[in-house]
Protein backbone atom coordinates (compact mmCIF):
# COMPACT_ATOMS: atom_id res chain seq x y z
CA MET A 1 83.10 79.21 67.32
CA ARG A 2 82.16 82.61 68.67
CA GLN A 3 81.89 83.53 72.24
CA SER A 4 78.86 84.81 74.05
CA PHE A 5 79.13 88.29 75.16
CA ALA A 6 78.39 87.17 78.84
CA LYS A 7 81.51 84.71 78.46
CA SER A 8 83.69 87.42 77.08
CA VAL A 9 82.74 89.82 79.72
CA ASN A 10 83.65 86.72 82.48
CA CYS A 11 86.80 86.07 81.00
CA SER A 12 87.67 89.90 81.11
CA ILE A 13 86.47 89.83 84.88
CA ASN A 14 88.60 86.84 85.61
CA GLY A 15 91.86 88.63 83.77
CA LEU A 16 91.30 91.64 85.99
CA ARG A 17 91.02 89.34 89.21
CA HIS A 18 93.98 87.77 88.32
CA ALA A 19 95.95 91.05 87.90
CA VAL A 20 94.67 92.23 91.35
CA LYS A 21 95.70 89.16 93.06
CA THR A 22 99.15 88.40 91.41
CA GLU A 23 100.66 91.88 90.14
CA ARG A 24 101.96 93.86 92.92
CA ASN A 25 102.28 97.13 90.84
CA PHE A 26 98.70 96.96 89.63
CA LYS A 27 97.72 96.53 93.32
CA ILE A 28 99.43 99.78 94.27
CA GLN A 29 98.00 101.66 91.13
CA VAL A 30 94.44 100.41 92.06
CA VAL A 31 94.88 101.69 95.48
CA CYS A 32 96.27 104.97 94.42
CA GLY A 33 93.38 105.19 91.90
CA ILE A 34 90.71 104.39 94.47
CA SER A 35 92.22 107.16 96.96
CA ILE A 36 92.51 109.76 94.04
CA LEU A 37 88.70 109.15 93.16
CA LEU A 38 88.10 109.55 97.11
CA LEU A 39 89.91 112.87 97.02
CA GLY A 40 87.81 113.91 94.21
CA ILE A 41 84.80 113.59 96.23
CA GLU A 42 86.48 115.80 98.98
CA ALA A 43 87.42 118.36 96.07
CA LYS A 44 83.80 118.85 94.65
CA LEU A 45 84.74 118.10 91.05
CA SER A 46 82.59 119.00 88.37
CA LYS A 47 81.29 116.40 85.86
CA THR A 48 83.88 117.36 83.48
CA GLU A 49 86.66 117.15 85.93
CA TRP A 50 85.29 113.55 87.31
CA CYS A 51 85.57 112.47 83.46
CA ILE A 52 89.12 113.63 83.21
CA LEU A 53 89.84 112.14 86.49
CA PHE A 54 88.31 108.50 85.53
CA LEU A 55 89.83 108.65 82.07
CA THR A 56 93.58 109.50 83.96
CA VAL A 57 92.76 106.64 86.37
CA GLY A 58 91.61 104.22 83.68
CA PHE A 59 94.49 104.95 81.50
CA VAL A 60 97.29 104.29 84.06
CA LEU A 61 95.59 100.93 84.90
CA CYS A 62 95.41 100.08 81.50
CA MET A 63 98.98 100.90 80.62
CA GLU A 64 99.94 98.65 83.46
CA LEU A 65 97.78 95.76 82.15
CA ILE A 66 99.65 96.23 78.93
CA ASN A 67 102.88 96.13 80.55
CA THR A 68 102.09 93.16 82.30
CA CYS A 69 100.78 91.41 79.01
CA ILE A 70 104.05 92.33 77.14
CA GLU A 71 106.41 91.30 79.97
CA LYS A 72 104.34 87.53 80.39
CA THR A 73 104.23 87.37 76.77
CA MET A 74 107.99 87.76 76.42
CA ASP A 75 108.76 85.42 79.38
CA LEU A 76 106.76 82.85 77.37
CA VAL A 77 108.42 83.38 74.02
CA HIS A 78 112.06 83.91 75.24
CA PRO A 79 112.26 82.41 78.84
CA GLN A 80 116.18 82.68 79.09
CA TYR A 81 117.79 86.26 79.63
CA SER A 82 118.00 88.28 76.59
CA GLU A 83 119.09 91.77 76.37
CA LYS A 84 116.54 92.46 73.45
CA VAL A 85 113.76 91.36 75.76
CA LYS A 86 115.15 93.30 78.81
CA VAL A 87 115.05 96.41 76.31
CA ILE A 88 111.55 95.56 75.20
CA LYS A 89 110.46 95.02 79.10
CA ASP A 90 111.97 98.46 80.11
CA ILE A 91 110.34 100.29 77.29
CA ALA A 92 107.00 98.95 78.43
CA ALA A 93 107.79 99.77 82.06
CA GLY A 94 108.51 103.29 81.01
CA MET A 95 105.35 103.54 79.05
CA VAL A 96 103.71 102.82 82.60
CA LEU A 97 105.99 105.54 84.03
CA LEU A 98 105.02 108.18 81.60
CA SER A 99 101.42 107.64 81.77
CA ALA A 100 101.82 107.59 85.80
CA LEU A 101 103.74 110.95 85.68
CA VAL A 102 101.20 112.49 83.20
CA SER A 103 98.48 111.48 85.66
CA VAL A 104 100.08 113.36 88.46
CA ALA A 105 100.37 116.30 86.22
CA ILE A 106 96.60 116.23 85.59
CA GLY A 107 95.96 115.64 89.32
CA ILE A 108 97.89 118.75 90.25
CA VAL A 109 95.94 120.66 87.88
CA LEU A 110 92.48 119.28 89.23
CA PHE A 111 93.13 119.26 92.83
CA ALA A 112 95.08 122.51 92.84
CA LYS A 113 91.75 124.31 94.03
CA ILE A 114 91.70 122.14 97.33
CA TRP A 115 95.42 122.68 97.82
CA PHE A 116 94.82 126.44 98.08
CA VAL A 117 91.98 125.92 100.46
CA TYR A 118 93.55 123.90 102.80
CA PHE A 119 97.09 125.60 102.63
CA ASP A 120 95.79 129.19 102.16
């Protein structure tokens, strides 16, 4: 039986709530994302820069959620320690790290103009 759209949205919101309540790294990344968005106000970003910033913050948060899903799935499928599971989890964590590093590089480009205003 197909779910209604409203029910699907509700399930999605529940998933985000669960991640915010239970996942330390997701909480940290949400706080960082909000801080960066607030910095965007100070930087007086253009519409294009805002789009880039929203996409970048959203990308990192999505990567963290994917990583969490991979980790929880692997724990469910293979609860005992496995070197193969460790490698899978490490690769997923690397995915998040790479997305965060790319977002820092994008942030440097977007916010370089306020750096030079404050530290000129």
